[in-house]
Amino acid sequence: MSAGFRILKRQRKVATDIVERFAHLPVANVSDSMFRMTAAGARVRPIHQTGGMAGVALTVKTRPGDNLMIHKAMAIAEPGDVIVVDAGGDLTNALIGEMMLTRIIKSRLAGVVIDGAVRDAGFIRGQNFPVFAAGVTHRGPYKNGPGEINVPIAIDGMVIEPGDLIIGDDDGLLCVGFDDVDEVLKAATAKYEAEQKQIGNINAGTHDSSWVDKALRELNCEGLD
């Protein structure tokens, strides 16, 4: 039986031009455009110093503490991919460190997401290469398997399919499904432009906040003037 220990081929992936357009949008704007229903939770955070991430998901599911299938994912990943690893959130062993990341950076991938631990945090913080993880530990990994590549995975309830869009910034991670990218891109772009206009009004002293009292009245709040 191969379930649990297999390598599948990715059947589709988000187009490069779509990825590039998402790269200029804050994750929060994209999240708002998806009705704030999807998130990778607060555990998986950026370990690198600064910089956003946008790329195509190459998914890996591995047992806690083992990175054999991550090595294989690195070998088949394409430029612009984000290796996204579901390790169950276990922090006992680091699954990736400086040597693996050096190879990944040279391969021109877009980032790495580990729902588990990493190590060599000083090296990671010295790079502008996006690395998101649930924690840091010095204790290294095993390489015995099993695991799966290019299967659906989940991080804190956020389902990620191979070829989906993965974006991240200081606010966290978000997956946009392959079938949803066009609609979400349109809505998120409009959201971003509207917020930039609001910020301009705030800076100019012309911001209208009358909607607050209106909303309170509609909710029958007492004590309004």
C-alpha atoms as a PDB file:
ATOM      1  CA  MET A   1       0.000   0.000   0.000  1.00  0.00           C
ATOM      2  CA  SER A   2       1.514   3.324  -1.080  1.00  0.00           C
ATOM      3  CA  ALA A   3      -0.722   5.705   0.894  1.00  0.00           C
ATOM      4  CA  GLY A   4       1.539   7.477   3.371  1.00  0.00           C
ATOM      5  CA  PHE A   5       4.740   6.877   1.427  1.00  0.00           C
ATOM      6  CA  ARG A   6       4.475   8.164  -2.127  1.00  0.00           C
ATOM      7  CA  ILE A   7       5.474  10.894  -4.564  1.00  0.00           C
ATOM      8  CA  LEU A   8       2.753  12.261  -6.823  1.00  0.00           C
ATOM      9  CA  LYS A   9       2.976  14.625  -9.764  1.00  0.00           C
ATOM     10  CA  ARG A  10       1.504  18.095  -9.469  1.00  0.00           C
ATOM     11  CA  GLN A  11      -1.387  18.314 -11.919  1.00  0.00           C
ATOM     12  CA  ARG A  12      -1.747  22.092 -12.136  1.00  0.00           C
ATOM     13  CA  LYS A  13      -0.329  25.277 -10.682  1.00  0.00           C
ATOM     14  CA  VAL A  14      -1.097  28.984 -10.487  1.00  0.00           C
ATOM     15  CA  ALA A  15       0.374  30.994 -13.367  1.00  0.00           C
ATOM     16  CA  THR A  16       3.519  33.046 -12.768  1.00  0.00           C
ATOM     17  CA  ASP A  17       1.916  36.360 -13.728  1.00  0.00           C
ATOM     18  CA  ILE A  18      -0.841  35.829 -11.153  1.00  0.00           C
ATOM     19  CA  VAL A  19       1.737  35.030  -8.470  1.00  0.00           C
ATOM     20  CA  GLU A  20       3.625  38.230  -9.282  1.00  0.00           C
ATOM     21  CA  ARG A  21       0.494  40.352  -8.911  1.00  0.00           C
ATOM     22  CA  PHE A  22      -0.305  38.827  -5.521  1.00  0.00           C
ATOM     23  CA  ALA A  23       3.272  39.514  -4.406  1.00  0.00           C
ATOM     24  CA  HIS A  24       2.484  43.240  -4.243  1.00  0.00           C
ATOM     25  CA  LEU A  25      -0.572  42.829  -1.997  1.00  0.00           C
ATOM     26  CA  PRO A  26      -0.590  42.653   1.818  1.00  0.00           C
ATOM     27  CA  VAL A  27      -1.731  39.264   3.108  1.00  0.00           C
ATOM     28  CA  ALA A  28      -4.317  41.050   5.270  1.00  0.00           C
ATOM     29  CA  ASN A  29      -6.017  42.526   2.193  1.00  0.00           C
ATOM     30  CA  VAL A  30      -6.174  39.126   0.540  1.00  0.00           C
ATOM     31  CA  SER A  31      -7.512  37.570   3.738  1.00  0.00           C
ATOM     32  CA  ASP A  32     -10.233  40.216   4.016  1.00  0.00           C
ATOM     33  CA  SER A  33     -11.223  39.459   0.430  1.00  0.00           C
ATOM     34  CA  MET A  34     -11.728  35.807   1.424  1.00  0.00           C
ATOM     35  CA  PHE A  35     -14.146  36.809   4.222  1.00  0.00           C
ATOM     36  CA  ARG A  36     -11.412  36.227   6.852  1.00  0.00           C
ATOM     37  CA  MET A  37     -12.257  32.516   6.897  1.00  0.00           C
ATOM     38  CA  THR A  38      -8.840  31.070   6.063  1.00  0.00           C
ATOM     39  CA  ALA A  39      -5.523  31.281   7.918  1.00  0.00           C
ATOM     40  CA  ALA A  40      -2.582  29.129   8.913  1.00  0.00           C
ATOM     41  CA  GLY A  41      -2.987  30.182  12.535  1.00  0.00           C
ATOM     42  CA  ALA A  42      -0.644  32.163  14.726  1.00  0.00           C
ATOM     43  CA  ARG A  43       1.962  29.448  15.343  1.00  0.00           C
ATOM     44  CA  VAL A  44       3.711  29.458  11.977  1.00  0.00           C
ATOM     45  CA  ARG A  45       5.634  32.731  11.869  1.00  0.00           C
ATOM     46  CA  PRO A  46       8.366  34.292   9.704  1.00  0.00           C
ATOM     47  CA  ILE A  47      11.832  33.320  10.932  1.00  0.00           C
ATOM     48  CA  HIS A  48      13.678  35.396   8.322  1.00  0.00           C
ATOM     49  CA  GLN A  49      14.394  39.051   8.968  1.00  0.00           C
ATOM     50  CA  THR A  50      12.084  40.714   6.484  1.00  0.00           C
ATOM     51  CA  GLY A  51      10.339  40.312   3.159  1.00  0.00           C
ATOM     52  CA  GLY A  52       7.117  38.858   1.822  1.00  0.00           C
ATOM     53  CA  MET A  53       6.540  35.604  -0.016  1.00  0.00           C
ATOM     54  CA  ALA A  54       4.427  34.546  -2.972  1.00  0.00           C
ATOM     55  CA  GLY A  55       4.738  31.269  -4.827  1.00  0.00           C
ATOM     56  CA  VAL A  56       3.224  27.976  -5.868  1.00  0.00           C
ATOM     57  CA  ALA A  57       2.751  25.211  -3.315  1.00  0.00           C
ATOM     58  CA  LEU A  58       4.784  22.034  -3.542  1.00  0.00           C
ATOM     59  CA  THR A  59       3.315  20.111  -0.625  1.00  0.00           C
ATOM     60  CA  VAL A  60       5.069  17.651   1.668  1.00  0.00           C
ATOM     61  CA  LYS A  61       3.550  15.568   4.438  1.00  0.00           C
ATOM     62  CA  THR A  62       6.067  13.986   6.766  1.00  0.00           C
ATOM     63  CA  ARG A  63       6.056  12.345  10.134  1.00  0.00           C
ATOM     64  CA  PRO A  64       7.347  14.445  13.033  1.00  0.00           C
ATOM     65  CA  GLY A  65      11.129  14.712  13.144  1.00  0.00           C
ATOM     66  CA  ASP A  66      11.868  13.268   9.690  1.00  0.00           C
ATOM     67  CA  ASN A  67      12.953  15.235   6.610  1.00  0.00           C
ATOM     68  CA  LEU A  68      13.665  12.529   4.012  1.00  0.00           C
ATOM     69  CA  MET A  69      10.771  13.604   1.812  1.00  0.00           C
ATOM     70  CA  ILE A  70      11.758  17.260   2.116  1.00  0.00           C
ATOM     71  CA  HIS A  71      15.086  16.373   0.502  1.00  0.00           C
ATOM     72  CA  LYS A  72      13.201  14.739  -2.369  1.00  0.00           C
ATOM     73  CA  ALA A  73      10.904  17.751  -2.675  1.00  0.00           C
ATOM     74  CA  MET A  74      13.970  19.976  -3.010  1.00  0.00           C
ATOM     75  CA  ALA A  75      15.189  17.821  -5.892  1.00  0.00           C
ATOM     76  CA  ILE A  76      11.966  18.137  -7.891  1.00  0.00           C
ATOM     77  CA  ALA A  77      10.955  21.702  -6.959  1.00  0.00           C
ATOM     78  CA  GLU A  78      10.844  24.325  -9.692  1.00  0.00           C
ATOM     79  CA  PRO A  79      11.827  28.020  -9.522  1.00  0.00           C
ATOM     80  CA  GLY A  80       9.006  29.968  -7.920  1.00  0.00           C
ATOM     81  CA  ASP A  81       7.796  27.054  -5.806  1.00  0.00           C
ATOM     82  CA  VAL A  82       7.185  27.231  -2.074  1.00  0.00           C
ATOM     83  CA  ILE A  83       7.928  23.968  -0.278  1.00  0.00           C
ATOM     84  CA  VAL A  84       5.101  23.639   2.257  1.00  0.00           C
ATOM     85  CA  VAL A  85       5.611  20.953   4.900  1.00  0.00           C
ATOM     86  CA  ASP A  86       2.936  19.505   7.150  1.00  0.00           C
ATOM     87  CA  ALA A  87       4.888  17.977  10.032  1.00  0.00           C
ATOM     88  CA  GLY A  88       1.987  18.101  12.449  1.00  0.00           C
ATOM     89  CA  GLY A  89       3.357  21.126  14.284  1.00  0.00           C
ATOM     90  CA  ASP A  90       5.885  18.979  16.156  1.00  0.00           C
ATOM     91  CA  LEU A  91       8.863  20.952  17.497  1.00  0.00           C
ATOM     92  CA  THR A  92      11.005  18.072  18.764  1.00  0.00           C
ATOM     93  CA  ASN A  93      13.383  18.047  15.795  1.00  0.00           C
ATOM     94  CA  ALA A  94      14.343  20.699  13.255  1.00  0.00           C
ATOM     95  CA  LEU A  95      13.471  19.640   9.722  1.00  0.00           C
ATOM     96  CA  ILE A  96      15.584  22.157   7.833  1.00  0.00           C
ATOM     97  CA  GLY A  97      18.663  24.289   8.449  1.00  0.00           C
ATOM     98  CA  GLU A  98      21.476  26.216   6.803  1.00  0.00           C
ATOM     99  CA  MET A  99      22.738  23.542   4.415  1.00  0.00           C
ATOM    100  CA  MET A 100      19.325  22.686   3.005  1.00  0.00           C
ATOM    101  CA  LEU A 101      18.315  26.338   2.809  1.00  0.00           C
ATOM    102  CA  THR A 102      21.498  27.240   0.953  1.00  0.00           C
ATOM    103  CA  ARG A 103      20.557  24.704  -1.715  1.00  0.00           C
ATOM    104  CA  ILE A 104      16.975  25.965  -1.807  1.00  0.00           C
ATOM    105  CA  ILE A 105      18.043  29.590  -2.225  1.00  0.00           C
ATOM    106  CA  LYS A 106      20.355  28.656  -5.091  1.00  0.00           C
ATOM    107  CA  SER A 107      17.454  26.819  -6.743  1.00  0.00           C
ATOM    108  CA  ARG A 108      15.486  30.098  -6.876  1.00  0.00           C
ATOM    109  CA  LEU A 109      12.514  28.815  -4.938  1.00  0.00           C
ATOM    110  CA  ALA A 110      10.091  31.374  -3.517  1.00  0.00           C
ATOM    111  CA  GLY A 111      10.117  30.225   0.098  1.00  0.00           C
ATOM    112  CA  VAL A 112       9.758  27.464   2.668  1.00  0.00           C
ATOM    113  CA  VAL A 113       6.931  26.803   5.117  1.00  0.00           C
ATOM    114  CA  ILE A 114       7.427  24.266   7.909  1.00  0.00           C
ATOM    115  CA  ASP A 115       4.615  23.358  10.290  1.00  0.00           C
ATOM    116  CA  GLY A 116       7.342  22.186  12.612  1.00  0.00           C
ATOM    117  CA  ALA A 117      10.781  23.385  13.688  1.00  0.00           C
ATOM    118  CA  VAL A 118      13.864  24.716  11.906  1.00  0.00           C
ATOM    119  CA  ARG A 119      17.410  25.382  13.091  1.00  0.00           C
ATOM    120  CA  ASP A 120      20.334  27.683  12.252  1.00  0.00           C
ATOM    121  CA  ALA A 121      18.066  30.606  13.051  1.00  0.00           C
ATOM    122  CA  GLY A 122      20.930  33.096  12.891  1.00  0.00           C
ATOM    123  CA  PHE A 123      21.605  32.132   9.285  1.00  0.00           C
ATOM    124  CA  ILE A 124      17.910  32.409   8.436  1.00  0.00           C
ATOM    125  CA  ARG A 125      17.623  35.843  10.023  1.00  0.00           C
ATOM    126  CA  GLY A 126      20.597  36.990   7.963  1.00  0.00           C
ATOM    127  CA  GLN A 127      18.810  36.213   4.702  1.00  0.00           C
ATOM    128  CA  ASN A 128      15.959  37.903   2.900  1.00  0.00           C
ATOM    129  CA  PHE A 129      14.731  34.477   1.841  1.00  0.00           C
ATOM    130  CA  PRO A 130      11.265  33.689   3.246  1.00  0.00           C
ATOM    131  CA  VAL A 131      11.224  30.941   5.874  1.00  0.00           C
ATOM    132  CA  PHE A 132       8.092  30.397   7.948  1.00  0.00           C
ATOM    133  CA  ALA A 133       8.066  27.865  10.780  1.00  0.00           C
ATOM    134  CA  ALA A 134       6.330  26.974  14.020  1.00  0.00           C
ATOM    135  CA  GLY A 135       9.523  27.100  16.090  1.00  0.00           C
ATOM    136  CA  VAL A 136      13.279  26.669  16.406  1.00  0.00           C
ATOM    137  CA  THR A 137      15.381  23.916  17.970  1.00  0.00           C
ATOM    138  CA  HIS A 138      19.010  22.807  17.653  1.00  0.00           C
ATOM    139  CA  ARG A 139      18.084  19.117  17.582  1.00  0.00           C
ATOM    140  CA  GLY A 140      18.372  17.731  14.060  1.00  0.00           C
ATOM    141  CA  PRO A 141      16.140  15.448  11.982  1.00  0.00           C
ATOM    142  CA  TYR A 142      16.016  11.786  11.018  1.00  0.00           C
ATOM    143  CA  LYS A 143      15.904  10.556   7.429  1.00  0.00           C
ATOM    144  CA  ASN A 144      13.895   7.359   7.474  1.00  0.00           C
ATOM    145  CA  GLY A 145      10.489   8.316   6.063  1.00  0.00           C
ATOM    146  CA  PRO A 146       7.688   7.774   5.472  1.00  0.00           C
ATOM    147  CA  GLY A 147       6.033  10.783   3.878  1.00  0.00           C
ATOM    148  CA  GLU A 148       4.188  12.074   0.838  1.00  0.00           C
ATOM    149  CA  ILE A 149       4.785  14.726  -1.810  1.00  0.00           C
ATOM    150  CA  ASN A 150       2.105  16.627  -3.727  1.00  0.00           C
ATOM    151  CA  VAL A 151      -0.847  15.527  -1.625  1.00  0.00           C
ATOM    152  CA  PRO A 152      -3.406  17.783   0.093  1.00  0.00           C
ATOM    153  CA  ILE A 153      -2.142  18.950   3.492  1.00  0.00           C
ATOM    154  CA  ALA A 154      -3.425  21.226   6.242  1.00  0.00           C
ATOM    155  CA  ILE A 155      -1.872  23.734   8.640  1.00  0.00           C
ATOM    156  CA  ASP A 156      -4.149  24.679  11.525  1.00  0.00           C
ATOM    157  CA  GLY A 157      -7.174  23.843   9.396  1.00  0.00           C
ATOM    158  CA  MET A 158      -5.983  25.720   6.307  1.00  0.00           C
ATOM    159  CA  VAL A 159      -6.094  23.189   3.474  1.00  0.00           C
ATOM    160  CA  ILE A 160      -3.331  23.457   0.869  1.00  0.00           C
ATOM    161  CA  GLU A 161      -3.407  21.566  -2.410  1.00  0.00           C
ATOM    162  CA  PRO A 162      -0.427  21.106  -4.724  1.00  0.00           C
ATOM    163  CA  GLY A 163      -0.258  24.056  -7.115  1.00  0.00           C
ATOM    164  CA  ASP A 164      -2.231  26.458  -4.915  1.00  0.00           C
ATOM    165  CA  LEU A 165      -0.964  29.978  -4.279  1.00  0.00           C
ATOM    166  CA  ILE A 166       0.909  30.520  -1.003  1.00  0.00           C
ATOM    167  CA  ILE A 167       1.530  34.052   0.246  1.00  0.00           C
ATOM    168  CA  GLY A 168       3.087  35.290   3.464  1.00  0.00           C
ATOM    169  CA  ASP A 169       4.330  38.395   5.226  1.00  0.00           C
ATOM    170  CA  ASP A 170       4.791  39.654   8.784  1.00  0.00           C
ATOM    171  CA  ASP A 171       1.103  38.986   9.466  1.00  0.00           C
ATOM    172  CA  GLY A 172       1.321  35.288   8.618  1.00  0.00           C
ATOM    173  CA  LEU A 173       0.474  32.819   5.881  1.00  0.00           C
ATOM    174  CA  LEU A 174      -2.452  32.371   3.538  1.00  0.00           C
ATOM    175  CA  CYS A 175      -3.346  29.855   0.843  1.00  0.00           C
ATOM    176  CA  VAL A 176      -5.496  30.858  -2.119  1.00  0.00           C
ATOM    177  CA  GLY A 177      -6.913  27.862  -3.959  1.00  0.00           C
ATOM    178  CA  PHE A 178      -6.116  27.393  -7.638  1.00  0.00           C
ATOM    179  CA  ASP A 179      -9.742  27.852  -8.692  1.00  0.00           C
ATOM    180  CA  ASP A 180     -10.146  31.050  -6.658  1.00  0.00           C
ATOM    181  CA  VAL A 181      -7.104  33.113  -7.598  1.00  0.00           C
ATOM    182  CA  ASP A 182      -8.681  35.295 -10.294  1.00  0.00           C
ATOM    183  CA  GLU A 183     -11.689  36.285  -8.198  1.00  0.00           C
ATOM    184  CA  VAL A 184      -9.621  36.851  -5.062  1.00  0.00           C
ATOM    185  CA  LEU A 185      -6.995  38.885  -6.936  1.00  0.00           C
ATOM    186  CA  LYS A 186      -9.644  41.242  -8.268  1.00  0.00           C
ATOM    187  CA  ALA A 187     -11.245  41.708  -4.846  1.00  0.00           C
ATOM    188  CA  ALA A 188      -7.938  42.069  -2.992  1.00  0.00           C
ATOM    189  CA  THR A 189      -6.643  44.656  -5.460  1.00  0.00           C
ATOM    190  CA  ALA A 190      -9.805  46.719  -5.000  1.00  0.00           C
ATOM    191  CA  LYS A 191      -9.476  46.361  -1.219  1.00  0.00           C
ATOM    192  CA  TYR A 192      -5.867  47.540  -1.306  1.00  0.00           C
ATOM    193  CA  GLU A 193      -6.688  50.568  -3.451  1.00  0.00           C
ATOM    194  CA  ALA A 194      -9.619  51.531  -1.195  1.00  0.00           C
ATOM    195  CA  GLU A 195      -7.444  51.300   1.920  1.00  0.00           C
ATOM    196  CA  GLN A 196      -4.720  53.400   0.350  1.00  0.00           C
ATOM    197  CA  LYS A 197      -7.326  56.062  -0.391  1.00  0.00           C
ATOM    198  CA  GLN A 198      -8.529  55.920   3.229  1.00  0.00           C
ATOM    199  CA  ILE A 199      -4.988  56.287   4.535  1.00  0.00           C
ATOM    200  CA  GLY A 200      -4.539  59.310   2.292  1.00  0.00           C
ATOM    201  CA  ASN A 201      -7.706  60.851   3.731  1.00  0.00           C
ATOM    202  CA  ILE A 202      -6.519  60.181   7.288  1.00  0.00           C
ATOM    203  CA  ASN A 203      -3.202  61.876   6.597  1.00  0.00           C
ATOM    204  CA  ALA A 204      -5.018  64.810   4.998  1.00  0.00           C
ATOM    205  CA  GLY A 205      -7.434  65.144   7.913  1.00  0.00           C
ATOM    206  CA  THR A 206     -10.477  64.450   5.728  1.00  0.00           C
ATOM    207  CA  HIS A 207     -11.360  60.956   6.913  1.00  0.00           C
ATOM    208  CA  ASP A 208     -15.103  60.408   7.490  1.00  0.00           C
ATOM    209  CA  SER A 209     -15.841  58.212  10.537  1.00  0.00           C
ATOM    210  CA  SER A 210     -19.571  58.903  10.703  1.00  0.00           C
ATOM    211  CA  TRP A 211     -20.194  55.261   9.843  1.00  0.00           C
ATOM    212  CA  VAL A 212     -19.329  54.306  13.439  1.00  0.00           C
ATOM    213  CA  ASP A 213     -22.334  56.054  15.002  1.00  0.00           C
ATOM    214  CA  LYS A 214     -24.538  54.860  12.162  1.00  0.00           C
ATOM    215  CA  ALA A 215     -23.549  51.259  12.820  1.00  0.00           C
ATOM    216  CA  LEU A 216     -24.109  51.670  16.567  1.00  0.00           C
ATOM    217  CA  ARG A 217     -27.603  53.076  15.997  1.00  0.00           C
ATOM    218  CA  GLU A 218     -28.495  50.193  13.714  1.00  0.00           C
ATOM    219  CA  LEU A 219     -27.399  47.835  16.492  1.00  0.00           C
ATOM    220  CA  ASN A 220     -29.558  49.726  19.029  1.00  0.00           C
ATOM    221  CA  CYS A 221     -26.606  50.804  21.154  1.00  0.00           C
ATOM    222  CA  GLU A 222     -27.588  53.004  24.116  1.00  0.00           C
ATOM    223  CA  GLY A 223     -25.854  56.202  25.188  1.00  0.00           C
ATOM    224  CA  LEU A 224     -25.279  57.787  21.786  1.00  0.00           C
ATOM    225  CA  ASP A 225     -25.529  61.590  21.630  1.00  0.00           C
END
